Amino acid sequence: MVRDTVGLLVDVMVWAIIAQALMSWFRPRSYNRTYYRVLRFLQGATDPLLEPIRRLLPASGGLDFSPLVAIVLLQLLRSVVAPLLP
């Protein structure tokens, strides 16, 4: 049960990181309240994980590799820690 919960949380975080990264590439031409509310929600959910990674990674010409690193770390958590849980 705990293993399933960890797996579900990892899945949710991975999809939230992907959605936040994709939304950061595309901005609506005019103000769209729903877009910005969703983006703020996703940033609030993912930034606690992404910000420490951003501080550790060197500057890379305007590209943010922290989502990729975070997804790899989350998958590593799932494959290493989750099997140890009941």
C-alpha atoms as a PDB file:
ATOM      1  CA  MET A   1       0.000   0.000   0.000  1.00  0.00           C
ATOM      2  CA  VAL A   2       2.777   2.460   0.870  1.00  0.00           C
ATOM      3  CA  ARG A   3       4.620   1.403  -2.293  1.00  0.00           C
ATOM      4  CA  ASP A   4       1.532   2.138  -4.377  1.00  0.00           C
ATOM      5  CA  THR A   5       1.130   5.540  -2.741  1.00  0.00           C
ATOM      6  CA  VAL A   6       4.762   6.443  -3.434  1.00  0.00           C
ATOM      7  CA  GLY A   7       4.340   5.306  -7.042  1.00  0.00           C
ATOM      8  CA  LEU A   8       1.212   7.416  -7.426  1.00  0.00           C
ATOM      9  CA  LEU A   9       2.902  10.490  -5.928  1.00  0.00           C
ATOM     10  CA  VAL A  10       5.876  10.042  -8.256  1.00  0.00           C
ATOM     11  CA  ASP A  11       3.526   9.788 -11.248  1.00  0.00           C
ATOM     12  CA  VAL A  12       1.624  12.918 -10.226  1.00  0.00           C
ATOM     13  CA  MET A  13       4.837  14.889  -9.712  1.00  0.00           C
ATOM     14  CA  VAL A  14       6.301  13.742 -13.037  1.00  0.00           C
ATOM     15  CA  TRP A  15       3.177  14.790 -14.919  1.00  0.00           C
ATOM     16  CA  ALA A  16       3.011  18.102 -13.023  1.00  0.00           C
ATOM     17  CA  ILE A  17       6.652  18.825 -13.957  1.00  0.00           C
ATOM     18  CA  ILE A  18       5.989  17.971 -17.599  1.00  0.00           C
ATOM     19  CA  ALA A  19       2.843  20.136 -17.697  1.00  0.00           C
ATOM     20  CA  GLN A  20       4.629  23.056 -16.022  1.00  0.00           C
ATOM     21  CA  ALA A  21       7.568  22.801 -18.424  1.00  0.00           C
ATOM     22  CA  LEU A  22       5.285  22.699 -21.471  1.00  0.00           C
ATOM     23  CA  MET A  23       3.200  25.613 -20.220  1.00  0.00           C
ATOM     24  CA  SER A  24       6.341  27.683 -19.708  1.00  0.00           C
ATOM     25  CA  TRP A  25       7.099  27.362 -23.435  1.00  0.00           C
ATOM     26  CA  PHE A  26       3.730  28.722 -24.584  1.00  0.00           C
ATOM     27  CA  ARG A  27       2.205  31.984 -23.403  1.00  0.00           C
ATOM     28  CA  PRO A  28      -1.245  33.128 -24.492  1.00  0.00           C
ATOM     29  CA  ARG A  29      -1.334  36.319 -26.551  1.00  0.00           C
ATOM     30  CA  SER A  30      -3.813  37.953 -24.219  1.00  0.00           C
ATOM     31  CA  TYR A  31      -4.320  37.591 -20.482  1.00  0.00           C
ATOM     32  CA  ASN A  32      -5.960  34.273 -19.732  1.00  0.00           C
ATOM     33  CA  ARG A  33      -6.856  33.941 -16.056  1.00  0.00           C
ATOM     34  CA  THR A  34      -7.309  30.160 -16.166  1.00  0.00           C
ATOM     35  CA  TYR A  35      -3.931  29.630 -17.830  1.00  0.00           C
ATOM     36  CA  TYR A  36      -2.124  31.669 -15.189  1.00  0.00           C
ATOM     37  CA  ARG A  37      -4.005  30.026 -12.312  1.00  0.00           C
ATOM     38  CA  VAL A  38      -3.049  26.572 -13.567  1.00  0.00           C
ATOM     39  CA  LEU A  39       0.546  27.692 -14.133  1.00  0.00           C
ATOM     40  CA  ARG A  40       0.766  29.166 -10.607  1.00  0.00           C
ATOM     41  CA  PHE A  41      -0.681  25.965  -9.148  1.00  0.00           C
ATOM     42  CA  LEU A  42       1.829  23.806 -11.032  1.00  0.00           C
ATOM     43  CA  GLN A  43       4.709  26.076 -10.058  1.00  0.00           C
ATOM     44  CA  GLY A  44       3.631  25.916  -6.431  1.00  0.00           C
ATOM     45  CA  ALA A  45       3.560  22.132  -6.605  1.00  0.00           C
ATOM     46  CA  THR A  46       6.836  21.645  -8.494  1.00  0.00           C
ATOM     47  CA  ASP A  47       9.084  24.537  -7.433  1.00  0.00           C
ATOM     48  CA  PRO A  48       9.948  23.051  -4.010  1.00  0.00           C
ATOM     49  CA  LEU A  49      11.570  20.184  -5.929  1.00  0.00           C
ATOM     50  CA  LEU A  50      12.924  22.169  -8.885  1.00  0.00           C
ATOM     51  CA  GLU A  51      14.429  25.207  -7.116  1.00  0.00           C
ATOM     52  CA  PRO A  52      17.181  23.318  -5.218  1.00  0.00           C
ATOM     53  CA  ILE A  53      18.113  21.538  -8.448  1.00  0.00           C
ATOM     54  CA  ARG A  54      18.245  24.866 -10.301  1.00  0.00           C
ATOM     55  CA  ARG A  55      20.646  26.237  -7.691  1.00  0.00           C
ATOM     56  CA  LEU A  56      22.942  23.215  -8.105  1.00  0.00           C
ATOM     57  CA  LEU A  57      22.993  23.118 -11.906  1.00  0.00           C
ATOM     58  CA  PRO A  58      25.362  25.447 -13.732  1.00  0.00           C
ATOM     59  CA  ALA A  59      23.941  28.031 -16.135  1.00  0.00           C
ATOM     60  CA  SER A  60      23.357  26.434 -19.516  1.00  0.00           C
ATOM     61  CA  GLY A  61      22.593  29.188 -21.975  1.00  0.00           C
ATOM     62  CA  GLY A  62      19.009  29.828 -20.960  1.00  0.00           C
ATOM     63  CA  LEU A  63      17.941  26.182 -20.951  1.00  0.00           C
ATOM     64  CA  ASP A  64      16.485  24.826 -17.733  1.00  0.00           C
ATOM     65  CA  PHE A  65      17.464  21.191 -17.235  1.00  0.00           C
ATOM     66  CA  SER A  66      16.031  20.989 -13.711  1.00  0.00           C
ATOM     67  CA  PRO A  67      12.761  19.314 -14.850  1.00  0.00           C
ATOM     68  CA  LEU A  68      14.755  16.571 -16.579  1.00  0.00           C
ATOM     69  CA  VAL A  69      16.965  16.051 -13.516  1.00  0.00           C
ATOM     70  CA  ALA A  70      13.918  16.042 -11.221  1.00  0.00           C
ATOM     71  CA  ILE A  71      12.135  13.418 -13.331  1.00  0.00           C
ATOM     72  CA  VAL A  72      15.246  11.209 -13.334  1.00  0.00           C
ATOM     73  CA  LEU A  73      15.534  11.574  -9.544  1.00  0.00           C
ATOM     74  CA  LEU A  74      11.857  10.766  -9.059  1.00  0.00           C
ATOM     75  CA  GLN A  75      12.144   7.660 -11.227  1.00  0.00           C
ATOM     76  CA  LEU A  76      15.248   6.659  -9.282  1.00  0.00           C
ATOM     77  CA  LEU A  77      13.293   7.096  -6.063  1.00  0.00           C
ATOM     78  CA  ARG A  78      10.592   4.851  -7.422  1.00  0.00           C
ATOM     79  CA  SER A  79      12.950   2.117  -8.594  1.00  0.00           C
ATOM     80  CA  VAL A  80      15.264   2.100  -5.551  1.00  0.00           C
ATOM     81  CA  VAL A  81      13.193   3.150  -2.544  1.00  0.00           C
ATOM     82  CA  ALA A  82       9.707   1.934  -3.440  1.00  0.00           C
ATOM     83  CA  PRO A  83      10.641  -1.786  -3.572  1.00  0.00           C
ATOM     84  CA  LEU A  84      11.947  -1.499  -0.011  1.00  0.00           C
ATOM     85  CA  LEU A  85       8.574  -0.285   1.255  1.00  0.00           C
ATOM     86  CA  PRO A  86       5.822  -2.622   2.438  1.00  0.00           C
END
